[in-house]
Amino acid sequence: MKKVIATLIAGLFASAAFAQAPAAPAAPAASVPAKVEAAHTKAVVKADAKEAQAVVKADAKEAKAVVAAKTEVASAKAEAATTKTKAHHKATKTKAKADEKLASAAAEAAPAK
């Protein structure tokens, strides 16, 4: 974002510099350099616009990657929470089954005495 703002400010200064340039004489010989200067200015503005567009695209791509990364992290956290919950539930069931087996074994062994 800083690059976009810097590019816009640079463009503002460039346009202000061209606006303050002294007027060319009205002689017919001066019209050719004016046309060349106009073409040069047009090319510079076009290059600046392309650069600004590339910067905006790069920033958008970076932002998209950040959002994707955050989404992946959130997804991984959700999956981890689900896995932890399943593991806790499975461990609880296993402990309950072990306790039942111990209780039934104790109940069977007690009457035999």
N, C-alpha and C. Protein backbone atom coordinates (compact mmCIF):
# COMPACT_ATOMS: atom_id res chain seq x y z
N MET A 1 0.83 -1.18 0.00
CA MET A 1 0.00 0.00 0.00
C MET A 1 0.87 1.24 0.00
N LYS A 2 2.01 1.17 0.69
CA LYS A 2 2.91 2.32 0.73
C LYS A 2 3.45 2.63 -0.66
N LYS A 3 3.69 1.60 -1.44
CA LYS A 3 4.21 1.80 -2.79
C LYS A 3 3.17 2.51 -3.67
N VAL A 4 1.91 2.16 -3.49
CA VAL A 4 0.85 2.79 -4.28
C VAL A 4 0.77 4.26 -3.94
N ILE A 5 0.80 4.58 -2.67
CA ILE A 5 0.73 5.98 -2.25
C ILE A 5 1.96 6.74 -2.75
N ALA A 6 3.14 6.12 -2.66
CA ALA A 6 4.35 6.77 -3.15
C ALA A 6 4.27 7.02 -4.65
N THR A 7 3.72 6.07 -5.39
CA THR A 7 3.57 6.24 -6.84
C THR A 7 2.59 7.37 -7.16
N LEU A 8 1.50 7.44 -6.42
CA LEU A 8 0.53 8.52 -6.64
C LEU A 8 1.14 9.88 -6.33
N ILE A 9 1.90 9.96 -5.26
CA ILE A 9 2.55 11.23 -4.90
C ILE A 9 3.57 11.61 -5.96
N ALA A 10 4.36 10.63 -6.43
CA ALA A 10 5.33 10.91 -7.48
C ALA A 10 4.64 11.39 -8.75
N GLY A 11 3.53 10.80 -9.08
CA GLY A 11 2.76 11.25 -10.24
C GLY A 11 2.24 12.66 -10.07
N LEU A 12 1.83 13.00 -8.85
CA LEU A 12 1.36 14.35 -8.56
C LEU A 12 2.48 15.36 -8.78
N PHE A 13 3.67 15.05 -8.26
CA PHE A 13 4.81 15.95 -8.45
C PHE A 13 5.18 16.05 -9.92
N ALA A 14 5.15 14.95 -10.64
CA ALA A 14 5.51 14.98 -12.06
C ALA A 14 4.52 15.83 -12.85
N SER A 15 3.25 15.68 -12.55
CA SER A 15 2.25 16.48 -13.28
C SER A 15 2.37 17.95 -12.91
N ALA A 16 2.71 18.26 -11.67
CA ALA A 16 2.90 19.65 -11.26
C ALA A 16 4.12 20.25 -11.97
N ALA A 17 5.18 19.47 -12.14
CA ALA A 17 6.37 19.95 -12.82
C ALA A 17 6.08 20.25 -14.29
N PHE A 18 5.30 19.41 -14.96
CA PHE A 18 4.96 19.66 -16.35
C PHE A 18 3.99 20.83 -16.48
N ALA A 19 3.15 21.03 -15.51
CA ALA A 19 2.20 22.13 -15.56
C ALA A 19 2.91 23.46 -15.40
N GLN A 20 4.04 23.50 -14.71
CA GLN A 20 4.77 24.74 -14.48
C GLN A 20 5.80 25.03 -15.56
N ALA A 21 5.94 24.17 -16.51
CA ALA A 21 6.93 24.39 -17.58
C ALA A 21 6.53 25.62 -18.37
N PRO A 22 7.53 26.43 -18.79
CA PRO A 22 7.20 27.65 -19.55
C PRO A 22 6.57 27.28 -20.89
N ALA A 23 5.70 28.13 -21.34
CA ALA A 23 5.00 27.89 -22.60
C ALA A 23 5.99 27.96 -23.76
N ALA A 24 5.82 27.08 -24.73
CA ALA A 24 6.70 27.06 -25.90
C ALA A 24 6.35 28.22 -26.81
N PRO A 25 7.34 28.77 -27.51
CA PRO A 25 7.04 29.86 -28.44
C PRO A 25 6.08 29.37 -29.53
N ALA A 26 5.36 30.27 -30.11
CA ALA A 26 4.35 29.93 -31.11
C ALA A 26 4.95 29.74 -32.50
N ALA A 27 6.25 29.64 -32.59
CA ALA A 27 6.90 29.46 -33.88
C ALA A 27 6.62 28.06 -34.42
N PRO A 28 6.50 27.90 -35.73
CA PRO A 28 6.23 26.59 -36.31
C PRO A 28 7.36 25.60 -36.09
N ALA A 29 8.58 26.02 -35.93
CA ALA A 29 9.71 25.13 -35.72
C ALA A 29 9.65 24.50 -34.33
N ALA A 30 9.02 25.17 -33.38
CA ALA A 30 8.93 24.67 -32.02
C ALA A 30 7.85 23.62 -31.87
N SER A 31 6.97 23.47 -32.84
CA SER A 31 5.88 22.51 -32.73
C SER A 31 6.38 21.07 -32.77
N VAL A 32 7.45 20.80 -33.47
CA VAL A 32 7.98 19.45 -33.55
C VAL A 32 8.53 19.00 -32.19
N PRO A 33 9.36 19.80 -31.49
CA PRO A 33 9.80 19.38 -30.17
C PRO A 33 8.64 19.27 -29.17
N ALA A 34 7.63 20.10 -29.33
CA ALA A 34 6.47 20.01 -28.44
C ALA A 34 5.76 18.67 -28.64
N LYS A 35 5.67 18.25 -29.90
CA LYS A 35 5.03 16.95 -30.16
C LYS A 35 5.86 15.82 -29.57
N VAL A 36 7.17 15.94 -29.71
CA VAL A 36 8.06 14.91 -29.17
C VAL A 36 7.95 14.89 -27.65
N GLU A 37 7.90 16.09 -27.06
CA GLU A 37 7.77 16.17 -25.60
C GLU A 37 6.42 15.61 -25.16
N ALA A 38 5.38 15.88 -25.90
CA ALA A 38 4.06 15.35 -25.57
C ALA A 38 4.06 13.83 -25.65
N ALA A 39 4.70 13.29 -26.68
CA ALA A 39 4.78 11.84 -26.81
C ALA A 39 5.58 11.24 -25.66
N HIS A 40 6.66 11.92 -25.29
CA HIS A 40 7.49 11.45 -24.16
C HIS A 40 6.67 11.48 -22.87
N THR A 41 5.95 12.56 -22.65
CA THR A 41 5.12 12.68 -21.45
C THR A 41 4.06 11.58 -21.42
N LYS A 42 3.46 11.34 -22.57
CA LYS A 42 2.44 10.30 -22.67
C LYS A 42 3.04 8.93 -22.33
N ALA A 43 4.24 8.67 -22.85
CA ALA A 43 4.91 7.40 -22.58
C ALA A 43 5.25 7.26 -21.10
N VAL A 44 5.70 8.36 -20.49
CA VAL A 44 6.04 8.33 -19.07
C VAL A 44 4.79 8.09 -18.23
N VAL A 45 3.72 8.77 -18.55
CA VAL A 45 2.47 8.60 -17.81
C VAL A 45 1.95 7.17 -17.97
N LYS A 46 2.06 6.64 -19.17
CA LYS A 46 1.61 5.27 -19.42
C LYS A 46 2.45 4.27 -18.62
N ALA A 47 3.77 4.51 -18.57
CA ALA A 47 4.64 3.62 -17.80
C ALA A 47 4.32 3.71 -16.31
N ASP A 48 4.07 4.93 -15.83
CA ASP A 48 3.69 5.10 -14.42
C ASP A 48 2.37 4.39 -14.11
N ALA A 49 1.43 4.48 -15.03
CA ALA A 49 0.14 3.82 -14.83
C ALA A 49 0.31 2.31 -14.79
N LYS A 50 1.15 1.79 -15.69
CA LYS A 50 1.39 0.33 -15.70
C LYS A 50 2.06 -0.10 -14.41
N GLU A 51 3.02 0.72 -13.94
CA GLU A 51 3.69 0.38 -12.69
C GLU A 51 2.71 0.39 -11.53
N ALA A 52 1.87 1.42 -11.48
CA ALA A 52 0.87 1.49 -10.41
C ALA A 52 -0.07 0.30 -10.47
N GLN A 53 -0.47 -0.09 -11.68
CA GLN A 53 -1.37 -1.23 -11.83
C GLN A 53 -0.68 -2.52 -11.37
N ALA A 54 0.59 -2.67 -11.70
CA ALA A 54 1.33 -3.86 -11.28
C ALA A 54 1.48 -3.90 -9.76
N VAL A 55 1.70 -2.74 -9.16
CA VAL A 55 1.82 -2.66 -7.71
C VAL A 55 0.50 -3.03 -7.05
N VAL A 56 -0.60 -2.52 -7.60
CA VAL A 56 -1.92 -2.85 -7.04
C VAL A 56 -2.19 -4.34 -7.16
N LYS A 57 -1.85 -4.92 -8.32
CA LYS A 57 -2.06 -6.37 -8.50
C LYS A 57 -1.22 -7.17 -7.52
N ALA A 58 0.04 -6.73 -7.32
CA ALA A 58 0.91 -7.44 -6.39
C ALA A 58 0.38 -7.35 -4.97
N ASP A 59 -0.10 -6.16 -4.58
CA ASP A 59 -0.67 -6.00 -3.24
C ASP A 59 -1.92 -6.85 -3.07
N ALA A 60 -2.75 -6.91 -4.10
CA ALA A 60 -3.96 -7.73 -4.03
C ALA A 60 -3.60 -9.20 -3.91
N LYS A 61 -2.59 -9.61 -4.67
CA LYS A 61 -2.15 -11.01 -4.62
C LYS A 61 -1.61 -11.35 -3.23
N GLU A 62 -0.85 -10.42 -2.65
CA GLU A 62 -0.31 -10.63 -1.32
C GLU A 62 -1.43 -10.72 -0.29
N ALA A 63 -2.40 -9.81 -0.40
CA ALA A 63 -3.52 -9.82 0.53
C ALA A 63 -4.31 -11.12 0.40
N LYS A 64 -4.48 -11.58 -0.83
CA LYS A 64 -5.19 -12.84 -1.06
C LYS A 64 -4.44 -14.00 -0.42
N ALA A 65 -3.11 -13.99 -0.55
CA ALA A 65 -2.30 -15.05 0.05
C ALA A 65 -2.39 -15.01 1.57
N VAL A 66 -2.43 -13.81 2.13
CA VAL A 66 -2.55 -13.68 3.59
C VAL A 66 -3.90 -14.22 4.05
N VAL A 67 -4.95 -13.88 3.33
CA VAL A 67 -6.28 -14.38 3.68
C VAL A 67 -6.33 -15.89 3.57
N ALA A 68 -5.72 -16.43 2.51
CA ALA A 68 -5.70 -17.88 2.34
C ALA A 68 -4.92 -18.54 3.47
N ALA A 69 -3.82 -17.93 3.86
CA ALA A 69 -3.03 -18.49 4.95
C ALA A 69 -3.81 -18.45 6.25
N LYS A 70 -4.50 -17.34 6.50
CA LYS A 70 -5.31 -17.25 7.73
C LYS A 70 -6.43 -18.27 7.71
N THR A 71 -7.02 -18.49 6.54
CA THR A 71 -8.08 -19.48 6.42
C THR A 71 -7.53 -20.87 6.68
N GLU A 72 -6.34 -21.15 6.13
CA GLU A 72 -5.73 -22.46 6.35
C GLU A 72 -5.40 -22.67 7.82
N VAL A 73 -4.93 -21.62 8.49
CA VAL A 73 -4.61 -21.72 9.92
C VAL A 73 -5.89 -21.98 10.70
N ALA A 74 -6.95 -21.25 10.39
CA ALA A 74 -8.21 -21.45 11.08
C ALA A 74 -8.75 -22.85 10.84
N SER A 75 -8.62 -23.32 9.62
CA SER A 75 -9.07 -24.67 9.29
C SER A 75 -8.26 -25.70 10.06
N ALA A 76 -6.95 -25.50 10.12
CA ALA A 76 -6.09 -26.43 10.85
C ALA A 76 -6.44 -26.43 12.34
N LYS A 77 -6.72 -25.25 12.88
CA LYS A 77 -7.10 -25.17 14.30
C LYS A 77 -8.42 -25.90 14.54
N ALA A 78 -9.36 -25.73 13.63
CA ALA A 78 -10.66 -26.40 13.78
C ALA A 78 -10.49 -27.92 13.69
N GLU A 79 -9.66 -28.36 12.75
CA GLU A 79 -9.40 -29.80 12.61
C GLU A 79 -8.70 -30.34 13.86
N ALA A 80 -7.77 -29.56 14.40
CA ALA A 80 -7.07 -29.99 15.61
C ALA A 80 -8.04 -30.10 16.78
N ALA A 81 -8.94 -29.13 16.89
CA ALA A 81 -9.92 -29.17 17.97
C ALA A 81 -10.84 -30.38 17.81
N THR A 82 -11.26 -30.66 16.59
CA THR A 82 -12.11 -31.83 16.34
C THR A 82 -11.38 -33.11 16.67
N THR A 83 -10.12 -33.20 16.27
CA THR A 83 -9.32 -34.39 16.54
C THR A 83 -9.13 -34.58 18.04
N LYS A 84 -8.87 -33.48 18.74
CA LYS A 84 -8.70 -33.56 20.20
C LYS A 84 -9.98 -34.03 20.86
N THR A 85 -11.11 -33.50 20.39
CA THR A 85 -12.40 -33.90 20.97
C THR A 85 -12.67 -35.38 20.73
N LYS A 86 -12.40 -35.83 19.50
CA LYS A 86 -12.60 -37.25 19.19
C LYS A 86 -11.68 -38.13 20.03
N ALA A 87 -10.44 -37.72 20.19
CA ALA A 87 -9.50 -38.51 20.98
C ALA A 87 -9.93 -38.55 22.44
N HIS A 88 -10.39 -37.43 22.96
CA HIS A 88 -10.86 -37.39 24.35
C HIS A 88 -12.07 -38.31 24.53
N HIS A 89 -13.00 -38.24 23.58
CA HIS A 89 -14.20 -39.08 23.65
C HIS A 89 -13.83 -40.56 23.57
N LYS A 90 -12.91 -40.89 22.66
CA LYS A 90 -12.49 -42.28 22.51
C LYS A 90 -11.78 -42.77 23.77
N ALA A 91 -10.94 -41.92 24.36
CA ALA A 91 -10.24 -42.30 25.59
C ALA A 91 -11.23 -42.51 26.73
N THR A 92 -12.23 -41.65 26.80
CA THR A 92 -13.25 -41.79 27.84
C THR A 92 -14.01 -43.10 27.68
N LYS A 93 -14.37 -43.45 26.44
CA LYS A 93 -15.07 -44.71 26.19
C LYS A 93 -14.19 -45.90 26.56
N THR A 94 -12.92 -45.83 26.18
CA THR A 94 -11.99 -46.92 26.48
C THR A 94 -11.83 -47.09 27.99
N LYS A 95 -11.72 -45.98 28.71
CA LYS A 95 -11.60 -46.03 30.18
C LYS A 95 -12.85 -46.62 30.80
N ALA A 96 -14.02 -46.23 30.25
CA ALA A 96 -15.27 -46.76 30.78
C ALA A 96 -15.36 -48.26 30.56
N LYS A 97 -14.94 -48.71 29.36
CA LYS A 97 -14.96 -50.15 29.09
C LYS A 97 -14.00 -50.90 30.01
N ALA A 98 -12.83 -50.31 30.25
CA ALA A 98 -11.85 -50.94 31.15
C ALA A 98 -12.40 -51.01 32.57
N ASP A 99 -13.06 -49.94 33.00
CA ASP A 99 -13.67 -49.94 34.34
C ASP A 99 -14.77 -51.00 34.44
N GLU A 100 -15.57 -51.16 33.37
CA GLU A 100 -16.62 -52.17 33.37
C GLU A 100 -16.02 -53.58 33.44
N LYS A 101 -14.97 -53.81 32.67
CA LYS A 101 -14.32 -55.12 32.71
C LYS A 101 -13.75 -55.41 34.09
N LEU A 102 -13.15 -54.39 34.71
CA LEU A 102 -12.61 -54.57 36.05
C LEU A 102 -13.72 -54.86 37.05
N ALA A 103 -14.81 -54.13 36.93
CA ALA A 103 -15.92 -54.34 37.84
C ALA A 103 -16.55 -55.72 37.65
N SER A 104 -16.70 -56.15 36.40
CA SER A 104 -17.29 -57.47 36.16
C SER A 104 -16.34 -58.58 36.62
N ALA A 105 -15.04 -58.36 36.41
CA ALA A 105 -14.07 -59.35 36.88
C ALA A 105 -14.06 -59.42 38.40
N ALA A 106 -14.18 -58.26 39.04
CA ALA A 106 -14.24 -58.22 40.51
C ALA A 106 -15.50 -58.88 41.02
N ALA A 107 -16.61 -58.67 40.32
CA ALA A 107 -17.90 -59.25 40.72
C ALA A 107 -17.85 -60.76 40.55
N GLU A 108 -17.22 -61.28 39.52
CA GLU A 108 -17.11 -62.70 39.30
C GLU A 108 -16.17 -63.34 40.32
N ALA A 109 -15.13 -62.62 40.67
CA ALA A 109 -14.14 -63.17 41.58
C ALA A 109 -14.63 -63.13 43.04
N ALA A 110 -15.45 -62.21 43.38
CA ALA A 110 -15.93 -62.07 44.75
C ALA A 110 -16.80 -63.24 45.21
N PRO A 111 -17.77 -63.72 44.44
CA PRO A 111 -18.59 -64.85 44.88
C PRO A 111 -17.78 -66.15 44.95
N ALA A 112 -16.70 -66.26 44.27
CA ALA A 112 -15.94 -67.50 44.26
C ALA A 112 -15.24 -67.72 45.60
N LYS A 113 -15.10 -66.74 46.41
CA LYS A 113 -14.43 -66.92 47.69
C LYS A 113 -15.22 -67.66 48.65
